[in-house]
Amino acid sequence: MICVIRIKGQVGLRKDIIETFNRIRLRRKYSCIVIEKPNEIHLGMIKKLRDFIAYGKISEEVYKELIKKRGIKDKKGKLKPFFRLHPPRKGIESKKHFGVGKGVLGDNGEKINDLILRML
């Protein structure tokens, strides 16, 4: 399972990037989706948005905690396909994904679990 968190807002983005965010259902800053079985289309969208998102492999325990604390159900009781998160406690060290301090943008691998727990 891959977890994708939108880090950057919408101001100043190109229209094709905004359209890709809408297709992957990340419409607001600090919203999150979990893709259980990613296919080539999902991976292509993640690759296009890697400068604006944080993503990585989520563990089962953190996924259950995410559903328990942030899972929102619609009117008929079905779980919505996205999660709204708080800004991370203790802040984001850097939004830049290059240079000395990598920050949180791009592929975080297993560190995404720590970021999610800070945002719950």
Protein backbone atom coordinates (compact mmCIF):
# COMPACT_ATOMS: atom_id res chain seq x y z
CA MET A 1 0.00 0.00 0.00
CA ILE A 2 1.24 3.46 -0.90
CA CYS A 3 0.24 6.55 1.07
CA VAL A 4 0.30 9.91 -0.74
CA ILE A 5 0.12 13.22 1.19
CA ARG A 6 -0.22 16.60 -0.52
CA ILE A 7 2.29 19.05 0.97
CA LYS A 8 2.11 22.08 -1.32
CA GLY A 9 -0.95 24.26 -1.84
CA GLN A 10 -2.55 25.28 -5.12
CA VAL A 11 -1.23 28.82 -5.60
CA GLY A 12 1.07 29.18 -8.60
CA LEU A 13 0.72 25.63 -9.95
CA ARG A 14 0.32 24.79 -13.62
CA LYS A 15 -3.08 23.63 -14.86
CA ASP A 16 -1.88 20.12 -15.71
CA ILE A 17 -0.55 19.65 -12.16
CA ILE A 18 -3.87 20.86 -10.69
CA GLU A 19 -5.74 18.45 -12.99
CA THR A 20 -3.53 15.55 -11.85
CA PHE A 21 -4.20 16.45 -8.20
CA ASN A 22 -7.95 16.40 -8.92
CA ARG A 23 -7.73 13.02 -10.65
CA ILE A 24 -5.86 11.47 -7.73
CA ARG A 25 -8.37 13.09 -5.27
CA LEU A 26 -5.86 15.33 -3.46
CA ARG A 27 -7.69 18.64 -3.69
CA ARG A 28 -6.46 20.33 -0.50
CA LYS A 29 -3.19 20.80 1.32
CA TYR A 30 -2.44 18.06 3.89
CA SER A 31 -4.98 15.66 2.43
CA CYS A 32 -3.99 12.03 2.12
CA ILE A 33 -4.97 8.98 0.09
CA VAL A 34 -3.96 5.35 0.43
CA ILE A 35 -3.61 3.30 -2.77
CA GLU A 36 -3.90 -0.37 -1.88
CA LYS A 37 -2.92 -1.85 -5.26
CA PRO A 38 -1.10 0.79 -7.33
CA ASN A 39 -1.08 0.31 -11.10
CA GLU A 40 0.88 2.06 -13.85
CA ILE A 41 -1.58 4.98 -13.97
CA HIS A 42 -1.24 5.66 -10.23
CA LEU A 43 2.55 5.41 -10.40
CA GLY A 44 2.63 7.81 -13.36
CA MET A 45 0.55 10.39 -11.47
CA ILE A 46 2.79 10.02 -8.41
CA LYS A 47 5.87 10.50 -10.59
CA LYS A 48 4.39 13.68 -12.10
CA LEU A 49 3.50 15.10 -8.66
CA ARG A 50 6.65 14.04 -6.76
CA ASP A 51 7.76 17.68 -6.34
CA PHE A 52 4.53 18.55 -4.50
CA ILE A 53 3.72 15.43 -2.45
CA ALA A 54 5.22 13.07 0.12
CA TYR A 55 4.67 9.37 -0.49
CA GLY A 56 5.86 6.02 0.75
CA LYS A 57 4.90 2.55 1.89
CA ILE A 58 2.44 2.61 4.80
CA SER A 59 2.32 -0.11 7.46
CA GLU A 60 -0.87 -1.90 8.49
CA GLU A 61 -0.82 -0.51 12.05
CA VAL A 62 -0.54 3.10 10.88
CA TYR A 63 -3.27 2.51 8.26
CA LYS A 64 -5.66 1.18 10.93
CA GLU A 65 -4.84 4.17 13.17
CA LEU A 66 -5.48 6.52 10.22
CA ILE A 67 -8.90 4.99 9.60
CA LYS A 68 -9.74 5.07 13.31
CA LYS A 69 -8.82 8.72 13.85
CA ARG A 70 -9.43 10.34 10.45
CA GLY A 71 -11.78 8.04 8.53
CA ILE A 72 -14.89 9.98 7.48
CA LYS A 73 -18.02 8.20 6.34
CA ASP A 74 -20.48 9.64 3.88
CA LYS A 75 -24.30 9.65 4.33
CA LYS A 76 -24.75 5.94 3.41
CA GLY A 77 -21.92 4.77 5.73
CA LYS A 78 -19.22 4.21 3.09
CA LEU A 79 -15.65 5.32 3.90
CA LYS A 80 -14.55 8.38 1.87
CA PRO A 81 -11.52 7.82 -0.41
CA PHE A 82 -9.33 10.50 1.23
CA PHE A 83 -8.25 11.61 4.71
CA ARG A 84 -7.87 15.20 5.94
CA LEU A 85 -4.80 15.58 8.18
CA HIS A 86 -3.43 18.28 10.46
CA PRO A 87 -0.15 20.04 9.66
CA PRO A 88 2.67 17.94 11.17
CA ARG A 89 3.65 18.51 14.77
CA LYS A 90 7.11 20.08 15.08
CA GLY A 91 6.74 21.31 11.49
CA ILE A 92 8.25 20.26 8.22
CA GLU A 93 12.04 20.55 8.21
CA SER A 94 12.15 21.64 4.58
CA LYS A 95 9.80 21.45 1.62
CA LYS A 96 12.73 21.21 -0.78
CA HIS A 97 13.53 17.74 -2.04
CA PHE A 98 17.07 18.50 -3.19
CA GLY A 99 20.22 19.81 -1.55
CA VAL A 100 21.50 19.11 1.93
CA GLY A 101 18.26 18.81 3.90
CA LYS A 102 16.03 16.54 1.84
CA GLY A 103 12.82 17.44 3.65
CA VAL A 104 9.62 15.51 3.15
CA LEU A 105 8.88 15.92 -0.57
CA GLY A 106 9.25 12.90 -2.81
CA ASP A 107 9.70 9.27 -1.81
CA ASN A 108 9.98 8.82 1.94
CA GLY A 109 9.88 5.02 2.03
CA GLU A 110 9.12 3.79 5.55
CA LYS A 111 9.55 7.29 7.06
CA ILE A 112 6.05 8.17 5.80
CA ASN A 113 4.67 6.29 8.83
CA ASP A 114 6.37 8.74 11.22
CA LEU A 115 5.04 11.70 9.21
CA ILE A 116 1.47 10.35 9.29
CA LEU A 117 1.62 9.80 13.04
CA ARG A 118 2.79 13.41 13.49
CA MET A 119 -0.15 14.60 11.39
CA LEU A 120 -2.95 12.66 13.17
